[in-house]
Amino acid sequence: MIDELVKAPERVRELMRASFDVEDVLDVSVEMEELAAAYMAQKVVPAAFADDAQHVAVCSVARLDYLVSWNFKHLANVRRESGFNAVNLLQGYPPVRIVAPTFLIHGHEEKDL
């Protein structure tokens, strides 16, 4: 994530600094790298997008309920989520939901029908 932020526009970096403490950023462990490699071995994402597999592995090993992403091509879509969670099941990790930020803002609101 830090590597990706370096390439992001300044306004995105400012938003990150204002929203999150550096202490809250998770370090990548060997266990996370191994899970990311398992995703890649099963071709859940193309080889050029190993960083996306690593994002999911960090969330899975840390047992976070959600990974929030605007990346609909390689992360926040049903097909990819199913692939990541199939590997998680085989490796003994819980499923992770991969959602767009709007899901967390609006996804749980009940509307009158």
C-alpha atoms as a PDB file:
ATOM      1  CA  MET A   1       0.000   0.000   0.000  1.00  0.00           C
ATOM      2  CA  ILE A   2       2.800   2.419   0.873  1.00  0.00           C
ATOM      3  CA  ASP A   3       4.460   1.787  -2.515  1.00  0.00           C
ATOM      4  CA  GLU A   4       1.174   2.532  -4.279  1.00  0.00           C
ATOM      5  CA  LEU A   5       0.666   5.742  -2.314  1.00  0.00           C
ATOM      6  CA  VAL A   6       4.020   7.080  -3.474  1.00  0.00           C
ATOM      7  CA  LYS A   7       2.614   7.091  -7.026  1.00  0.00           C
ATOM      8  CA  ALA A   8      -0.752   8.568  -5.995  1.00  0.00           C
ATOM      9  CA  PRO A   9      -1.702  12.228  -6.427  1.00  0.00           C
ATOM     10  CA  GLU A  10      -0.817  14.494  -3.504  1.00  0.00           C
ATOM     11  CA  ARG A  11      -4.494  14.904  -2.525  1.00  0.00           C
ATOM     12  CA  VAL A  12      -4.763  11.106  -2.097  1.00  0.00           C
ATOM     13  CA  ARG A  13      -1.613  11.012   0.032  1.00  0.00           C
ATOM     14  CA  GLU A  14      -2.980  13.869   2.157  1.00  0.00           C
ATOM     15  CA  LEU A  15      -6.269  12.028   2.640  1.00  0.00           C
ATOM     16  CA  MET A  16      -4.399   8.909   3.736  1.00  0.00           C
ATOM     17  CA  ARG A  17      -2.315  10.885   6.263  1.00  0.00           C
ATOM     18  CA  ALA A  18      -5.446  12.573   7.611  1.00  0.00           C
ATOM     19  CA  SER A  19      -7.424   9.326   7.839  1.00  0.00           C
ATOM     20  CA  PHE A  20      -4.963   6.748   9.165  1.00  0.00           C
ATOM     21  CA  ASP A  21      -2.131   6.618  11.672  1.00  0.00           C
ATOM     22  CA  VAL A  22       1.096   5.124  10.374  1.00  0.00           C
ATOM     23  CA  GLU A  23       1.017   2.752  13.364  1.00  0.00           C
ATOM     24  CA  ASP A  24      -2.211   1.233  11.995  1.00  0.00           C
ATOM     25  CA  VAL A  25      -0.609   0.103   8.730  1.00  0.00           C
ATOM     26  CA  LEU A  26       0.049  -3.643   8.871  1.00  0.00           C
ATOM     27  CA  ASP A  27       3.508  -4.973   8.071  1.00  0.00           C
ATOM     28  CA  VAL A  28       3.673  -7.826   5.569  1.00  0.00           C
ATOM     29  CA  SER A  29       4.700 -11.091   7.234  1.00  0.00           C
ATOM     30  CA  VAL A  30       6.112 -14.290   5.753  1.00  0.00           C
ATOM     31  CA  GLU A  31       2.705 -15.910   6.349  1.00  0.00           C
ATOM     32  CA  MET A  32       1.059 -13.167   4.272  1.00  0.00           C
ATOM     33  CA  GLU A  33       3.612 -13.579   1.478  1.00  0.00           C
ATOM     34  CA  GLU A  34       2.988 -17.331   1.426  1.00  0.00           C
ATOM     35  CA  LEU A  35      -0.774 -16.836   1.163  1.00  0.00           C
ATOM     36  CA  ALA A  36      -0.305 -14.294  -1.631  1.00  0.00           C
ATOM     37  CA  ALA A  37       1.876 -16.858  -3.425  1.00  0.00           C
ATOM     38  CA  ALA A  38      -0.915 -19.434  -3.045  1.00  0.00           C
ATOM     39  CA  TYR A  39      -3.345 -16.998  -4.712  1.00  0.00           C
ATOM     40  CA  MET A  40      -0.870 -16.500  -7.535  1.00  0.00           C
ATOM     41  CA  ALA A  41      -0.284 -20.255  -7.911  1.00  0.00           C
ATOM     42  CA  GLN A  42      -4.040 -20.682  -8.399  1.00  0.00           C
ATOM     43  CA  LYS A  43      -4.067 -17.759 -10.876  1.00  0.00           C
ATOM     44  CA  VAL A  44      -6.679 -15.823  -8.921  1.00  0.00           C
ATOM     45  CA  VAL A  45      -5.130 -12.666 -10.428  1.00  0.00           C
ATOM     46  CA  PRO A  46      -2.718 -12.273 -13.356  1.00  0.00           C
ATOM     47  CA  ALA A  47       1.006 -12.474 -12.525  1.00  0.00           C
ATOM     48  CA  ALA A  48       1.501  -8.746 -13.134  1.00  0.00           C
ATOM     49  CA  PHE A  49      -0.866  -7.949 -10.249  1.00  0.00           C
ATOM     50  CA  ALA A  50       0.824  -9.755  -7.374  1.00  0.00           C
ATOM     51  CA  ASP A  51       0.410  -6.631  -5.242  1.00  0.00           C
ATOM     52  CA  ASP A  52      -3.370  -7.144  -5.364  1.00  0.00           C
ATOM     53  CA  ALA A  53      -2.920 -10.701  -4.111  1.00  0.00           C
ATOM     54  CA  GLN A  54      -0.755  -9.353  -1.309  1.00  0.00           C
ATOM     55  CA  HIS A  55      -3.463  -6.867  -0.250  1.00  0.00           C
ATOM     56  CA  VAL A  56      -5.953  -9.726   0.105  1.00  0.00           C
ATOM     57  CA  ALA A  57      -3.414 -11.886   1.929  1.00  0.00           C
ATOM     58  CA  VAL A  58      -2.760  -9.125   4.469  1.00  0.00           C
ATOM     59  CA  CYS A  59      -6.489  -8.820   5.172  1.00  0.00           C
ATOM     60  CA  SER A  60      -6.979 -12.581   5.327  1.00  0.00           C
ATOM     61  CA  VAL A  61      -4.090 -13.315   7.683  1.00  0.00           C
ATOM     62  CA  ALA A  62      -5.024 -10.339   9.878  1.00  0.00           C
ATOM     63  CA  ARG A  63      -8.593 -11.696   9.839  1.00  0.00           C
ATOM     64  CA  LEU A  64     -10.103  -8.416   8.724  1.00  0.00           C
ATOM     65  CA  ASP A  65     -13.715  -8.638   7.571  1.00  0.00           C
ATOM     66  CA  TYR A  66     -13.368  -6.296   4.590  1.00  0.00           C
ATOM     67  CA  LEU A  67     -10.853  -5.167   2.029  1.00  0.00           C
ATOM     68  CA  VAL A  68     -12.013  -1.857   0.594  1.00  0.00           C
ATOM     69  CA  SER A  69     -10.972  -1.067  -2.963  1.00  0.00           C
ATOM     70  CA  TRP A  70     -11.986   0.817  -6.080  1.00  0.00           C
ATOM     71  CA  ASN A  71     -10.147  -1.849  -8.121  1.00  0.00           C
ATOM     72  CA  PHE A  72     -13.082  -3.618  -9.758  1.00  0.00           C
ATOM     73  CA  LYS A  73     -10.930  -5.473 -12.274  1.00  0.00           C
ATOM     74  CA  HIS A  74      -8.636  -7.395  -9.920  1.00  0.00           C
ATOM     75  CA  LEU A  75     -10.225  -7.123  -6.479  1.00  0.00           C
ATOM     76  CA  ALA A  76     -13.762  -5.880  -5.882  1.00  0.00           C
ATOM     77  CA  ASN A  77     -15.725  -8.297  -8.027  1.00  0.00           C
ATOM     78  CA  VAL A  78     -17.529 -11.547  -7.328  1.00  0.00           C
ATOM     79  CA  ARG A  79     -15.301 -13.770  -9.473  1.00  0.00           C
ATOM     80  CA  ARG A  80     -12.055 -12.612  -7.862  1.00  0.00           C
ATOM     81  CA  GLU A  81     -13.523 -12.675  -4.353  1.00  0.00           C
ATOM     82  CA  SER A  82     -14.639 -16.271  -4.915  1.00  0.00           C
ATOM     83  CA  GLY A  83     -11.156 -17.236  -6.082  1.00  0.00           C
ATOM     84  CA  PHE A  84      -9.430 -15.628  -3.107  1.00  0.00           C
ATOM     85  CA  ASN A  85     -11.879 -17.227  -0.692  1.00  0.00           C
ATOM     86  CA  ALA A  86     -11.498 -20.685  -2.257  1.00  0.00           C
ATOM     87  CA  VAL A  87      -7.763 -20.477  -1.550  1.00  0.00           C
ATOM     88  CA  ASN A  88      -8.482 -19.125   1.941  1.00  0.00           C
ATOM     89  CA  LEU A  89     -10.714 -22.101   2.662  1.00  0.00           C
ATOM     90  CA  LEU A  90      -8.026 -24.558   1.518  1.00  0.00           C
ATOM     91  CA  GLN A  91      -5.360 -22.742   3.540  1.00  0.00           C
ATOM     92  CA  GLY A  92      -7.439 -22.452   6.729  1.00  0.00           C
ATOM     93  CA  TYR A  93      -8.232 -18.730   6.575  1.00  0.00           C
ATOM     94  CA  PRO A  94     -11.654 -17.134   6.911  1.00  0.00           C
ATOM     95  CA  PRO A  95     -13.343 -15.556   3.909  1.00  0.00           C
ATOM     96  CA  VAL A  96     -12.785 -11.893   3.217  1.00  0.00           C
ATOM     97  CA  ARG A  97     -15.299  -9.541   1.602  1.00  0.00           C
ATOM     98  CA  ILE A  98     -13.833  -7.251  -1.050  1.00  0.00           C
ATOM     99  CA  VAL A  99     -16.020  -4.199  -1.468  1.00  0.00           C
ATOM    100  CA  ALA A 100     -16.084  -0.687  -2.872  1.00  0.00           C
ATOM    101  CA  PRO A 101     -16.009   2.125  -0.297  1.00  0.00           C
ATOM    102  CA  THR A 102     -19.630   2.951  -1.073  1.00  0.00           C
ATOM    103  CA  PHE A 103     -20.668  -0.466   0.257  1.00  0.00           C
ATOM    104  CA  LEU A 104     -19.498   0.491   3.720  1.00  0.00           C
ATOM    105  CA  ILE A 105     -21.175   3.881   3.484  1.00  0.00           C
ATOM    106  CA  HIS A 106     -24.480   2.795   1.938  1.00  0.00           C
ATOM    107  CA  GLY A 107     -24.470  -1.001   1.909  1.00  0.00           C
ATOM    108  CA  HIS A 108     -26.218  -1.593   5.203  1.00  0.00           C
ATOM    109  CA  GLU A 109     -28.943   1.016   4.960  1.00  0.00           C
ATOM    110  CA  GLU A 110     -32.474  -0.292   4.906  1.00  0.00           C
ATOM    111  CA  LYS A 111     -34.762   1.374   2.449  1.00  0.00           C
ATOM    112  CA  ASP A 112     -38.517   1.395   2.470  1.00  0.00           C
ATOM    113  CA  LEU A 113     -39.805  -0.618  -0.452  1.00  0.00           C
END
